[in-house]
N, C-alpha and C. Protein backbone atom coordinates (compact mmCIF):
# COMPACT_ATOMS: atom_id res chain seq x y z
N MET A 1 3.71 -25.97 -3.83
CA MET A 1 3.93 -24.58 -3.39
C MET A 1 2.86 -23.83 -3.04
N GLY A 2 2.66 -23.10 -2.02
CA GLY A 2 1.36 -22.22 -1.77
C GLY A 2 1.51 -20.87 -2.36
N GLN A 3 0.50 -20.18 -2.08
CA GLN A 3 0.46 -18.87 -2.46
C GLN A 3 1.26 -18.03 -1.47
N THR A 4 2.13 -16.88 -1.92
CA THR A 4 2.88 -15.89 -1.19
C THR A 4 2.29 -14.56 -1.80
N LEU A 5 1.91 -13.85 -1.06
CA LEU A 5 1.43 -12.32 -1.29
C LEU A 5 2.80 -11.36 -0.86
N TYR A 6 3.26 -10.59 -1.86
CA TYR A 6 4.26 -9.61 -1.59
C TYR A 6 3.55 -8.19 -1.62
N PHE A 7 3.37 -7.35 -0.50
CA PHE A 7 2.71 -6.10 -0.41
C PHE A 7 3.78 -5.02 -0.41
N LEU A 8 3.81 -4.27 -1.52
CA LEU A 8 4.77 -3.29 -1.82
C LEU A 8 4.18 -2.09 -1.75
N ARG A 9 4.44 -1.09 -0.91
CA ARG A 9 3.99 0.33 -1.01
C ARG A 9 4.94 1.06 -2.12
N HIS A 10 4.10 1.91 -2.56
CA HIS A 10 4.78 2.67 -3.76
C HIS A 10 6.08 3.55 -3.05
N GLY A 11 6.92 3.90 -4.09
CA GLY A 11 8.12 4.81 -3.54
C GLY A 11 7.85 6.41 -3.10
N GLU A 12 8.78 6.89 -2.99
CA GLU A 12 8.62 8.29 -2.25
C GLU A 12 7.97 9.22 -3.32
N THR A 13 7.10 10.12 -2.62
CA THR A 13 6.26 11.15 -3.40
C THR A 13 6.49 12.53 -2.63
N HIS A 14 6.05 13.56 -3.19
CA HIS A 14 6.45 14.98 -2.38
C HIS A 14 5.32 14.78 -1.11
N ALA A 15 4.22 14.18 -1.39
CA ALA A 15 3.41 14.24 -0.24
C ALA A 15 3.78 13.23 1.02
N SER A 16 4.54 12.23 0.58
CA SER A 16 5.04 11.55 1.58
C SER A 16 6.22 11.98 2.27
N GLN A 17 6.84 13.01 1.74
CA GLN A 17 7.77 13.87 2.25
C GLN A 17 7.22 15.11 3.22
N THR A 18 6.20 15.45 2.90
CA THR A 18 5.36 16.44 3.71
C THR A 18 4.66 16.12 4.62
N GLY A 19 3.92 14.86 4.44
CA GLY A 19 3.04 14.42 5.34
C GLY A 19 1.57 14.82 5.31
N GLY A 20 1.50 15.41 3.92
CA GLY A 20 -0.10 15.85 3.72
C GLY A 20 -0.93 14.74 3.13
N TYR A 21 -2.05 14.91 3.02
CA TYR A 21 -3.08 13.88 2.88
C TYR A 21 -3.03 13.61 1.36
N CYS A 22 -2.91 12.50 0.69
CA CYS A 22 -2.59 12.47 -0.84
C CYS A 22 -3.36 11.12 -0.93
N GLY A 23 -4.56 10.88 -1.09
CA GLY A 23 -5.30 9.70 -1.44
C GLY A 23 -5.51 9.42 -2.88
N VAL A 24 -6.44 10.14 -3.50
CA VAL A 24 -6.71 9.74 -5.01
C VAL A 24 -6.18 10.74 -5.90
N LEU A 25 -5.40 11.64 -5.34
CA LEU A 25 -4.65 12.73 -5.91
C LEU A 25 -3.30 11.73 -6.70
N ASP A 26 -3.45 11.98 -8.09
CA ASP A 26 -2.46 11.10 -8.87
C ASP A 26 -1.18 12.03 -8.92
N VAL A 27 -0.41 11.78 -7.93
CA VAL A 27 0.95 12.47 -7.77
C VAL A 27 1.98 11.50 -8.32
N GLU A 28 3.33 12.13 -8.77
CA GLU A 28 4.23 11.15 -9.26
C GLU A 28 5.12 10.88 -8.17
N LEU A 29 6.08 9.86 -8.45
CA LEU A 29 7.19 9.53 -7.62
C LEU A 29 8.27 10.65 -7.81
N THR A 30 9.13 10.94 -6.67
CA THR A 30 10.12 11.68 -6.82
C THR A 30 11.23 10.96 -7.46
N PRO A 31 12.47 11.52 -7.94
CA PRO A 31 13.71 10.93 -8.42
C PRO A 31 14.02 9.66 -7.51
N GLU A 32 14.13 10.25 -6.10
CA GLU A 32 14.21 9.12 -5.13
C GLU A 32 13.38 8.12 -5.09
N GLY A 33 12.22 8.23 -5.52
CA GLY A 33 11.18 7.25 -5.52
C GLY A 33 11.31 6.26 -6.68
N HIS A 34 11.74 6.73 -7.77
CA HIS A 34 11.77 5.93 -8.90
C HIS A 34 13.05 5.09 -8.71
N ARG A 35 14.38 5.55 -7.95
CA ARG A 35 15.25 4.80 -7.65
C ARG A 35 15.09 3.61 -6.58
N MET A 36 13.87 3.85 -5.74
CA MET A 36 13.55 2.78 -4.64
C MET A 36 12.78 1.78 -5.46
N ALA A 37 11.80 2.16 -6.62
CA ALA A 37 11.53 1.18 -7.55
C ALA A 37 12.61 0.12 -8.27
N GLU A 38 13.49 0.92 -8.93
CA GLU A 38 14.51 0.21 -9.45
C GLU A 38 15.38 -0.56 -8.53
N GLU A 39 15.53 -0.17 -7.46
CA GLU A 39 16.18 -1.10 -6.38
C GLU A 39 15.38 -2.36 -5.86
N PHE A 40 14.03 -2.30 -5.79
CA PHE A 40 13.21 -3.07 -5.51
C PHE A 40 13.27 -4.44 -6.81
N ALA A 41 13.24 -3.67 -7.98
CA ALA A 41 13.35 -4.66 -9.03
C ALA A 41 14.71 -5.46 -9.05
N ALA A 42 15.80 -4.66 -8.72
CA ALA A 42 17.15 -5.35 -8.74
C ALA A 42 17.28 -6.56 -7.75
N ALA A 43 16.68 -6.37 -6.74
CA ALA A 43 16.64 -7.16 -5.48
C ALA A 43 15.61 -8.51 -5.69
N TYR A 44 14.57 -8.35 -6.18
CA TYR A 44 13.68 -9.53 -6.49
C TYR A 44 13.31 -9.89 -7.85
N LYS A 45 13.99 -9.59 -8.63
CA LYS A 45 13.72 -10.01 -10.17
C LYS A 45 13.93 -11.46 -10.35
N SER A 46 14.92 -12.02 -9.43
CA SER A 46 15.12 -13.50 -9.54
C SER A 46 14.22 -14.44 -8.91
N LEU A 47 13.21 -13.75 -8.21
CA LEU A 47 12.10 -14.47 -7.52
C LEU A 47 11.03 -15.04 -8.76
N PRO A 48 10.68 -16.33 -8.66
CA PRO A 48 9.67 -16.63 -9.78
C PRO A 48 8.27 -15.97 -9.66
N TRP A 49 8.02 -14.98 -10.51
CA TRP A 49 6.89 -14.44 -10.03
C TRP A 49 5.34 -14.99 -10.89
N ALA A 50 4.49 -15.06 -10.07
CA ALA A 50 3.49 -15.65 -10.96
C ALA A 50 2.48 -14.41 -11.60
N ALA A 51 2.35 -13.26 -11.00
CA ALA A 51 1.80 -12.26 -11.21
C ALA A 51 2.09 -10.89 -10.52
N VAL A 52 1.72 -9.78 -11.23
CA VAL A 52 1.96 -8.24 -10.54
C VAL A 52 0.62 -7.67 -10.76
N PHE A 53 -0.09 -7.19 -9.37
CA PHE A 53 -1.19 -6.39 -9.69
C PHE A 53 -0.85 -4.99 -8.87
N SER A 54 -1.38 -3.88 -9.30
CA SER A 54 -1.17 -2.75 -8.83
C SER A 54 -2.51 -1.62 -8.91
N SER A 55 -2.34 -0.90 -8.03
CA SER A 55 -3.46 0.40 -7.96
C SER A 55 -3.03 1.05 -9.51
N PRO A 56 -4.02 1.69 -10.02
CA PRO A 56 -4.04 2.42 -11.20
C PRO A 56 -3.47 3.85 -11.06
N LEU A 57 -3.16 4.27 -9.98
CA LEU A 57 -2.57 5.46 -9.40
C LEU A 57 -1.04 5.50 -10.08
N ARG A 58 -0.72 6.71 -10.60
CA ARG A 58 0.84 6.59 -11.23
C ARG A 58 1.86 6.35 -10.55
N ARG A 59 1.90 6.74 -9.06
CA ARG A 59 2.94 6.32 -8.09
C ARG A 59 2.93 4.79 -7.65
N SER A 60 1.97 4.16 -8.00
CA SER A 60 1.91 2.72 -7.93
C SER A 60 2.46 2.32 -9.01
N MET A 61 1.94 2.49 -10.11
CA MET A 61 2.24 1.92 -11.52
C MET A 61 3.71 1.93 -11.81
N ASP A 62 4.08 3.23 -11.45
CA ASP A 62 5.69 3.50 -11.74
C ASP A 62 6.74 2.75 -10.66
N THR A 63 5.92 2.40 -9.59
CA THR A 63 6.74 1.53 -8.66
C THR A 63 6.64 0.18 -9.16
N ALA A 64 5.81 -0.39 -9.69
CA ALA A 64 5.59 -1.67 -10.29
C ALA A 64 6.40 -1.75 -11.58
N LYS A 65 6.52 -0.93 -12.35
CA LYS A 65 7.37 -1.00 -13.80
C LYS A 65 8.42 -1.51 -13.71
N PRO A 66 9.38 -1.24 -13.00
CA PRO A 66 10.84 -1.94 -13.11
C PRO A 66 10.99 -3.45 -13.10
N LEU A 67 9.99 -3.84 -11.89
CA LEU A 67 10.00 -5.31 -11.90
C LEU A 67 9.41 -5.95 -13.11
N CYS A 68 8.19 -5.35 -13.62
CA CYS A 68 7.60 -6.13 -14.65
C CYS A 68 8.45 -6.15 -15.62
N ALA A 69 9.18 -4.89 -16.10
CA ALA A 69 10.15 -4.99 -17.10
C ALA A 69 11.18 -6.01 -17.28
N ALA A 70 11.74 -5.96 -15.80
CA ALA A 70 12.75 -7.15 -15.47
C ALA A 70 12.22 -8.74 -15.83
N VAL A 71 10.90 -8.87 -15.61
CA VAL A 71 10.49 -10.43 -15.39
C VAL A 71 9.66 -10.60 -16.52
N GLY A 72 9.25 -9.36 -17.28
CA GLY A 72 8.30 -9.81 -18.48
C GLY A 72 6.93 -10.01 -18.07
N LEU A 73 6.42 -9.55 -17.00
CA LEU A 73 5.11 -9.81 -16.63
C LEU A 73 4.24 -8.56 -17.08
N GLU A 74 2.97 -8.67 -17.40
CA GLU A 74 2.07 -7.66 -17.50
C GLU A 74 1.49 -7.02 -16.28
N MET A 75 1.58 -5.78 -15.99
CA MET A 75 0.90 -5.37 -14.60
C MET A 75 -0.52 -5.38 -14.89
N GLN A 76 -1.25 -5.85 -13.90
CA GLN A 76 -2.60 -5.89 -13.88
C GLN A 76 -3.14 -5.05 -12.93
N LEU A 77 -4.02 -3.83 -13.35
CA LEU A 77 -4.49 -2.80 -12.85
C LEU A 77 -5.81 -3.04 -12.03
N ARG A 78 -6.02 -2.80 -10.88
CA ARG A 78 -7.23 -2.75 -10.12
C ARG A 78 -7.83 -1.65 -9.26
N ASP A 79 -8.89 -1.19 -9.36
CA ASP A 79 -9.31 0.17 -8.67
C ASP A 79 -9.41 -0.34 -7.25
N GLY A 80 -9.44 -1.41 -7.01
CA GLY A 80 -9.71 -1.97 -5.30
C GLY A 80 -8.49 -1.72 -4.63
N LEU A 81 -7.37 -1.42 -5.37
CA LEU A 81 -6.02 -1.26 -4.77
C LEU A 81 -5.74 0.22 -4.67
N LYS A 82 -6.72 1.22 -5.07
CA LYS A 82 -6.43 2.43 -4.82
C LYS A 82 -6.24 2.88 -3.24
N GLU A 83 -5.57 4.04 -3.12
CA GLU A 83 -5.36 4.57 -1.79
C GLU A 83 -6.84 5.25 -1.35
N ILE A 84 -7.10 5.27 0.13
CA ILE A 84 -8.29 6.00 0.57
C ILE A 84 -8.48 7.24 0.02
N ALA A 85 -9.63 7.47 -0.24
CA ALA A 85 -10.34 8.78 -0.68
C ALA A 85 -10.33 9.64 0.44
N TYR A 86 -9.54 10.90 0.50
CA TYR A 86 -9.61 11.57 1.58
C TYR A 86 -10.56 12.52 1.61
N GLY A 87 -11.35 12.82 0.38
CA GLY A 87 -12.48 13.69 0.28
C GLY A 87 -11.88 15.24 0.28
N GLN A 88 -12.54 16.13 1.21
CA GLN A 88 -12.43 17.24 1.28
C GLN A 88 -10.96 17.36 1.97
N TRP A 89 -10.15 16.49 2.44
CA TRP A 89 -8.93 16.51 3.06
C TRP A 89 -7.90 16.52 2.31
N GLU A 90 -8.02 16.11 0.79
CA GLU A 90 -6.90 15.89 -0.15
C GLU A 90 -6.18 17.09 -0.17
N GLY A 91 -4.73 16.99 -0.08
CA GLY A 91 -3.88 17.84 -0.44
C GLY A 91 -3.70 18.95 0.78
N LYS A 92 -4.39 18.44 1.82
CA LYS A 92 -4.04 19.26 3.29
C LYS A 92 -3.12 18.53 4.17
N THR A 93 -2.62 19.17 4.77
CA THR A 93 -1.79 18.99 6.04
C THR A 93 -2.67 18.39 7.38
N PRO A 94 -2.42 17.41 8.05
CA PRO A 94 -2.99 16.98 9.27
C PRO A 94 -3.13 18.35 10.10
N GLU A 95 -2.65 19.39 10.25
CA GLU A 95 -2.91 20.59 11.06
C GLU A 95 -3.80 21.28 10.46
N GLU A 96 -3.97 21.51 9.04
CA GLU A 96 -5.02 22.36 8.41
C GLU A 96 -6.46 21.66 8.65
N VAL A 97 -6.21 19.87 8.49
CA VAL A 97 -7.57 19.44 8.63
C VAL A 97 -8.01 19.58 9.97
N ASN A 98 -7.19 19.61 10.84
CA ASN A 98 -7.70 19.55 12.41
C ASN A 98 -8.29 20.90 12.77
N ARG A 99 -7.89 22.06 12.13
CA ARG A 99 -8.54 23.43 12.29
C ARG A 99 -9.61 23.33 11.65
N ARG A 100 -9.78 22.91 10.26
CA ARG A 100 -10.88 23.10 9.51
C ARG A 100 -12.15 22.21 9.53
N PHE A 101 -11.68 20.89 9.99
CA PHE A 101 -12.47 19.71 10.17
C PHE A 101 -12.49 18.88 11.50
N HIS A 102 -12.39 19.74 12.72
CA HIS A 102 -11.81 19.22 13.82
C HIS A 102 -12.67 18.19 14.32
N ASP A 103 -13.94 18.30 14.41
CA ASP A 103 -14.93 17.07 15.06
C ASP A 103 -14.78 15.83 14.33
N GLU A 104 -15.02 15.86 12.93
CA GLU A 104 -14.81 14.75 11.98
C GLU A 104 -13.23 14.15 12.11
N TYR A 105 -12.08 15.14 12.24
CA TYR A 105 -10.83 14.52 12.36
C TYR A 105 -10.70 13.74 13.61
N VAL A 106 -11.25 14.35 14.75
CA VAL A 106 -11.08 13.52 15.94
C VAL A 106 -11.73 12.11 15.91
N ARG A 107 -13.08 12.23 15.30
CA ARG A 107 -13.77 11.05 15.07
C ARG A 107 -12.82 9.82 14.45
N TRP A 108 -12.18 10.21 13.38
CA TRP A 108 -11.27 9.58 12.27
C TRP A 108 -10.28 8.96 13.12
N LEU A 109 -9.71 9.88 13.85
CA LEU A 109 -8.50 9.58 14.91
C LEU A 109 -8.67 8.32 15.65
N ALA A 110 -9.98 8.41 16.25
CA ALA A 110 -10.40 7.47 17.17
C ALA A 110 -10.76 6.11 16.47
N ASP A 111 -11.40 6.04 15.33
CA ASP A 111 -11.70 4.71 14.74
C ASP A 111 -11.94 5.27 13.30
N ALA A 112 -10.80 4.94 12.49
CA ALA A 112 -10.91 5.12 10.94
C ALA A 112 -11.43 4.06 10.38
N GLY A 113 -11.83 3.02 10.88
CA GLY A 113 -12.55 1.91 10.35
C GLY A 113 -14.16 2.25 10.04
N TRP A 114 -14.59 2.94 10.92
CA TRP A 114 -16.02 3.24 10.62
C TRP A 114 -16.28 4.94 10.78
N ASN A 115 -15.14 5.54 10.55
CA ASN A 115 -15.30 6.94 10.42
C ASN A 115 -14.66 7.49 8.94
N ALA A 116 -15.04 8.13 8.32
CA ALA A 116 -14.40 8.54 7.10
C ALA A 116 -13.87 10.11 7.13
N PRO A 117 -12.74 10.43 6.31
CA PRO A 117 -12.50 11.79 6.25
C PRO A 117 -13.64 12.33 5.49
N THR A 118 -13.92 13.78 5.65
CA THR A 118 -14.91 14.48 5.18
C THR A 118 -15.19 14.36 3.82
N GLY A 119 -16.25 13.48 3.43
CA GLY A 119 -16.38 13.19 2.05
C GLY A 119 -15.59 12.03 1.36
N GLY A 120 -15.03 11.57 2.34
CA GLY A 120 -14.14 10.27 1.98
C GLY A 120 -14.53 8.91 2.17
N GLU A 121 -13.76 7.90 2.35
CA GLU A 121 -13.77 6.54 2.64
C GLU A 121 -13.62 6.25 4.03
N ARG A 122 -14.48 5.34 4.27
CA ARG A 122 -14.19 4.40 5.79
C ARG A 122 -13.24 3.20 5.44
N GLY A 123 -12.38 2.89 6.66
CA GLY A 123 -11.38 1.73 6.45
C GLY A 123 -12.46 0.55 6.04
N VAL A 124 -13.59 0.41 6.43
CA VAL A 124 -14.26 -0.78 5.99
C VAL A 124 -14.63 -0.94 4.59
N ASP A 125 -14.70 0.47 4.07
CA ASP A 125 -15.09 0.65 2.50
C ASP A 125 -13.91 0.10 1.88
N ILE A 126 -12.67 0.29 2.25
CA ILE A 126 -11.39 0.02 1.65
C ILE A 126 -11.26 -1.48 1.88
N ALA A 127 -11.36 -1.96 2.75
CA ALA A 127 -11.35 -3.50 3.20
C ALA A 127 -12.20 -4.28 2.23
N ARG A 128 -13.29 -3.93 2.10
CA ARG A 128 -14.20 -4.44 1.04
C ARG A 128 -13.89 -4.45 -0.52
N ARG A 129 -13.51 -3.23 -0.82
CA ARG A 129 -13.10 -3.26 -2.43
C ARG A 129 -11.83 -4.02 -2.41
N SER A 130 -10.73 -4.05 -1.66
CA SER A 130 -9.65 -4.68 -1.60
C SER A 130 -9.58 -5.90 -1.70
N SER A 131 -10.52 -6.63 -0.85
CA SER A 131 -10.89 -8.09 -0.64
C SER A 131 -11.23 -8.68 -1.92
N VAL A 132 -11.99 -7.77 -2.68
CA VAL A 132 -12.07 -8.62 -4.07
C VAL A 132 -11.22 -8.89 -4.83
N VAL A 133 -10.14 -7.87 -4.75
CA VAL A 133 -8.86 -8.07 -5.60
C VAL A 133 -7.95 -9.20 -4.75
N LEU A 134 -7.95 -9.35 -3.79
CA LEU A 134 -7.41 -10.45 -2.84
C LEU A 134 -8.12 -11.84 -3.28
N GLU A 135 -9.45 -11.80 -3.46
CA GLU A 135 -10.27 -13.00 -3.51
C GLU A 135 -9.72 -13.53 -5.09
N GLU A 136 -9.77 -12.47 -6.11
CA GLU A 136 -9.45 -12.69 -7.46
C GLU A 136 -8.08 -13.47 -7.62
N ILE A 137 -7.19 -12.81 -6.74
CA ILE A 137 -5.63 -13.30 -6.84
C ILE A 137 -5.58 -14.85 -6.31
N GLU A 138 -6.39 -14.86 -5.38
CA GLU A 138 -6.36 -16.35 -4.52
C GLU A 138 -7.07 -17.54 -5.66
N ARG A 139 -7.93 -16.88 -6.46
CA ARG A 139 -8.69 -17.79 -7.15
C ARG A 139 -7.88 -18.08 -8.35
N ARG A 140 -7.24 -17.09 -8.89
CA ARG A 140 -6.54 -17.33 -10.26
C ARG A 140 -5.11 -17.60 -9.89
N TYR A 141 -4.60 -17.33 -8.71
CA TYR A 141 -3.08 -17.72 -8.50
C TYR A 141 -2.99 -18.57 -7.17
N PRO A 142 -3.62 -19.72 -7.21
CA PRO A 142 -3.49 -20.38 -5.89
C PRO A 142 -2.16 -20.73 -5.48
N SER A 143 -1.20 -20.84 -6.26
CA SER A 143 0.31 -20.95 -5.85
C SER A 143 1.14 -19.95 -6.52
N GLY A 144 2.43 -19.70 -6.04
CA GLY A 144 3.21 -18.81 -6.44
C GLY A 144 3.46 -17.54 -5.90
N ASN A 145 4.40 -16.65 -6.27
CA ASN A 145 4.49 -15.23 -5.70
C ASN A 145 3.54 -14.14 -6.33
N VAL A 146 3.05 -13.58 -5.94
CA VAL A 146 2.18 -12.53 -6.31
C VAL A 146 2.66 -11.04 -5.70
N LEU A 147 2.79 -10.35 -6.67
CA LEU A 147 3.25 -8.88 -6.12
C LEU A 147 1.85 -7.93 -6.22
N VAL A 148 1.80 -7.27 -4.85
CA VAL A 148 0.50 -6.22 -4.91
C VAL A 148 1.19 -5.05 -4.52
N VAL A 149 1.12 -4.07 -5.54
CA VAL A 149 1.56 -2.59 -5.10
C VAL A 149 0.64 -1.47 -5.10
N SER A 150 0.51 -1.23 -3.85
CA SER A 150 -0.59 -0.21 -3.48
C SER A 150 -0.08 0.90 -2.61
N HIS A 151 -0.81 1.44 -1.55
CA HIS A 151 -0.74 2.58 -1.11
C HIS A 151 -0.44 2.52 0.76
N LYS A 152 -0.40 3.25 1.31
CA LYS A 152 0.02 3.10 2.77
C LYS A 152 -1.21 2.57 3.47
N ALA A 153 -2.43 3.31 3.42
CA ALA A 153 -3.61 3.16 4.08
C ALA A 153 -4.17 1.64 3.78
N THR A 154 -4.11 1.59 2.36
CA THR A 154 -4.79 0.54 1.64
C THR A 154 -4.02 -0.86 2.07
N THR A 155 -2.96 -0.71 1.93
CA THR A 155 -1.95 -1.90 2.29
C THR A 155 -1.97 -2.32 3.87
N ARG A 156 -1.98 -1.38 4.71
CA ARG A 156 -2.38 -1.70 6.05
C ARG A 156 -3.49 -2.34 6.44
N ILE A 157 -4.69 -1.97 5.64
CA ILE A 157 -5.95 -2.36 5.73
C ILE A 157 -6.15 -3.83 5.20
N MET A 158 -5.50 -4.14 4.09
CA MET A 158 -5.33 -5.63 3.64
C MET A 158 -4.66 -6.67 4.38
N ILE A 159 -3.60 -6.01 5.15
CA ILE A 159 -2.84 -6.90 6.13
C ILE A 159 -3.52 -7.10 7.37
N CYS A 160 -4.45 -5.95 7.77
CA CYS A 160 -5.27 -6.05 8.85
C CYS A 160 -6.30 -7.29 8.55
N SER A 161 -6.86 -7.06 7.59
CA SER A 161 -7.95 -7.95 7.08
C SER A 161 -7.66 -9.56 7.07
N LEU A 162 -6.16 -9.76 6.44
CA LEU A 162 -5.89 -10.86 6.35
C LEU A 162 -5.46 -11.52 7.99
N LEU A 163 -5.02 -10.95 8.57
CA LEU A 163 -4.38 -11.32 9.92
C LEU A 163 -5.38 -11.23 11.06
N GLY A 164 -6.53 -10.72 10.79
CA GLY A 164 -7.54 -10.64 11.74
C GLY A 164 -7.49 -9.35 12.90
N ILE A 165 -6.90 -8.44 12.33
CA ILE A 165 -6.61 -7.31 13.09
C ILE A 165 -7.76 -6.34 12.70
N ASP A 166 -8.43 -5.73 14.02
CA ASP A 166 -9.36 -4.60 13.68
C ASP A 166 -9.10 -3.60 12.74
N VAL A 167 -9.74 -3.49 11.75
CA VAL A 167 -9.70 -2.49 10.49
C VAL A 167 -9.42 -1.18 11.04
N GLY A 168 -10.27 -0.96 12.00
CA GLY A 168 -10.12 0.43 12.69
C GLY A 168 -9.01 0.94 13.46
N ARG A 169 -8.07 -0.16 13.58
CA ARG A 169 -6.83 0.05 14.08
C ARG A 169 -5.70 0.30 13.35
N TYR A 170 -6.01 0.34 11.86
CA TYR A 170 -4.68 0.12 10.95
C TYR A 170 -3.94 1.13 11.12
N ARG A 171 -4.49 2.41 11.58
CA ARG A 171 -3.26 3.56 11.72
C ARG A 171 -2.39 3.35 12.97
N ASP A 172 -3.08 2.54 13.78
CA ASP A 172 -2.28 2.53 15.25
C ASP A 172 -1.63 1.49 15.29
N ARG A 173 -1.53 0.40 14.51
CA ARG A 173 -1.06 -0.99 14.76
C ARG A 173 0.09 -1.32 13.76
N ILE A 174 0.13 -0.65 12.66
CA ILE A 174 1.01 -1.07 11.60
C ILE A 174 1.65 0.11 11.07
N SER A 175 3.14 0.15 10.78
CA SER A 175 3.72 1.29 10.10
C SER A 175 4.16 0.81 8.84
N MET A 176 3.92 1.56 7.85
CA MET A 176 4.07 1.18 6.36
C MET A 176 4.97 2.25 5.57
N PRO A 177 6.32 2.33 5.94
CA PRO A 177 7.07 3.59 5.17
C PRO A 177 7.01 3.27 3.63
N VAL A 178 7.35 4.34 3.02
CA VAL A 178 7.46 4.44 1.51
C VAL A 178 8.40 3.29 0.88
N ALA A 179 8.02 2.68 -0.02
CA ALA A 179 8.80 1.56 -0.77
C ALA A 179 8.96 0.35 0.29
N SER A 180 8.32 0.18 1.16
CA SER A 180 8.32 -1.09 2.22
C SER A 180 7.70 -2.30 1.74
N LEU A 181 8.25 -3.33 2.08
CA LEU A 181 7.52 -4.79 1.74
C LEU A 181 7.30 -5.48 2.81
N SER A 182 6.10 -6.15 2.78
CA SER A 182 5.40 -6.77 3.63
C SER A 182 4.82 -8.29 2.89
N ILE A 183 5.15 -9.29 3.58
CA ILE A 183 5.20 -10.79 2.88
C ILE A 183 3.86 -11.66 3.75
N VAL A 184 3.02 -12.02 3.09
CA VAL A 184 1.99 -12.85 3.91
C VAL A 184 2.05 -13.96 3.11
N GLU A 185 2.57 -15.27 4.04
CA GLU A 185 2.27 -16.66 3.22
C GLU A 185 1.08 -17.30 3.39
N MET A 186 0.19 -17.66 2.54
CA MET A 186 -1.09 -18.37 2.82
C MET A 186 -0.84 -19.86 2.86
N THR A 187 -1.00 -20.18 4.31
CA THR A 187 -0.88 -21.63 4.66
C THR A 187 -2.03 -22.29 4.97
N GLU A 188 -1.81 -23.74 5.15
CA GLU A 188 -3.09 -24.51 5.33
C GLU A 188 -3.89 -23.99 6.77
N GLN A 189 -2.96 -23.09 7.67
CA GLN A 189 -3.59 -22.77 8.84
C GLN A 189 -4.06 -21.36 8.70
N GLY A 190 -3.94 -20.68 7.32
CA GLY A 190 -4.24 -19.36 7.20
C GLY A 190 -3.21 -18.41 6.96
N PRO A 191 -3.45 -17.12 6.81
CA PRO A 191 -2.43 -16.14 6.27
C PRO A 191 -1.08 -16.18 7.55
N LEU A 192 0.03 -16.09 7.10
CA LEU A 192 1.30 -15.90 8.11
C LEU A 192 2.05 -14.80 7.59
N LEU A 193 2.14 -13.93 8.60
CA LEU A 193 2.90 -12.87 8.37
C LEU A 193 4.52 -12.99 8.27
N LYS A 194 5.15 -13.02 7.17
CA LYS A 194 6.72 -13.30 7.21
C LYS A 194 7.64 -12.18 7.29
N ALA A 195 6.97 -10.84 6.98
CA ALA A 195 7.73 -9.64 6.83
C ALA A 195 6.79 -8.67 6.99
N LEU A 196 7.24 -7.36 7.63
CA LEU A 196 6.40 -6.22 7.70
C LEU A 196 7.06 -5.03 7.61
N GLY A 197 7.10 -3.98 6.50
CA GLY A 197 7.54 -2.91 6.31
C GLY A 197 8.95 -2.93 6.25
N ASP A 198 9.55 -4.35 5.32
CA ASP A 198 10.92 -4.10 5.26
C ASP A 198 11.56 -3.39 4.16
N ARG A 199 12.55 -2.66 4.31
CA ARG A 199 13.17 -1.79 3.26
C ARG A 199 14.85 -2.13 3.48
N SER A 200 15.24 -3.42 3.90
CA SER A 200 16.57 -3.64 3.80
C SER A 200 17.03 -3.77 2.44
N TYR A 201 16.43 -3.73 1.26
CA TYR A 201 16.91 -4.22 -0.10
C TYR A 201 17.23 -2.82 -0.46
N LEU A 202 16.74 -1.70 0.23
CA LEU A 202 17.34 -0.30 -0.29
C LEU A 202 18.59 0.07 0.37
N ARG A 203 19.20 0.91 -0.62
CA ARG A 203 20.64 1.59 -0.02
C ARG A 203 20.32 2.29 1.15
N GLU A 204 21.50 2.61 1.91
CA GLU A 204 21.16 3.37 3.23
C GLU A 204 20.78 4.53 3.01
N SER A 205 21.14 5.49 2.12
CA SER A 205 20.77 6.83 1.79
C SER A 205 19.27 7.02 1.47
N LEU A 206 18.86 5.83 0.76
CA LEU A 206 17.21 5.93 0.58
C LEU A 206 16.59 5.39 1.79
N ARG A 207 16.95 4.47 2.50
CA ARG A 207 16.18 4.08 3.86
C ARG A 207 16.13 5.07 4.68
N LEU A 208 17.34 6.04 4.92
CA LEU A 208 17.07 6.93 6.03
C LEU A 208 16.66 8.45 5.56
N ARG A 209 15.90 8.36 4.41
CA ARG A 209 15.23 9.51 3.89
C ARG A 209 14.10 9.78 4.99
N PRO A 210 13.90 11.19 5.64
CA PRO A 210 12.76 11.27 6.18
C PRO A 210 11.26 11.37 5.31
N GLY A 211 10.17 11.09 6.08
CA GLY A 211 8.95 11.12 5.42
C GLY A 211 8.26 10.13 6.11
N THR A 212 7.12 9.98 5.75
CA THR A 212 5.87 9.08 5.83
C THR A 212 5.37 8.06 5.09
């Protein structure tokens, strides 16, 4: 049995509802976000899990907790799985950022791989720190199912890195709704994408909630 990575974006937060930039701000899940985490655990607890890794930000840990409790695994926290640091854009809307940091915002939109939010991180920086976690998982769990609970930008960047997609295009090529699951199987030929942004395990009322 080879290794399969299950990438789960955390559940809904108020920031994901409003579209504001929330990178390293340690916000909580909404009540609906907690329900999303519970429904993931209910749907996937019967899978044989080898390990669960999570960003240490609260919204990711609270998303991972129900599955960890259901299957009896300890959550392994890694800073490399944190969300992009938005610097001076933290807590602001895209419209406000465009007004106050227009030139840097335009450069970031054009290539988020090599341009950072004002005082924040580039995509290549996130790719570098998250790759350390993926290498650890590959070394310690060469077979079995591993859950990786992280954030919108960081998860998209990890998938781009695994699949050979230009990291600078992570915002343009991959959609990643809240509580969505993406699955990458590590085969002899390399990483194989089995699912992307799947939320079929959620009840319809949660799947249809607006947000980013």
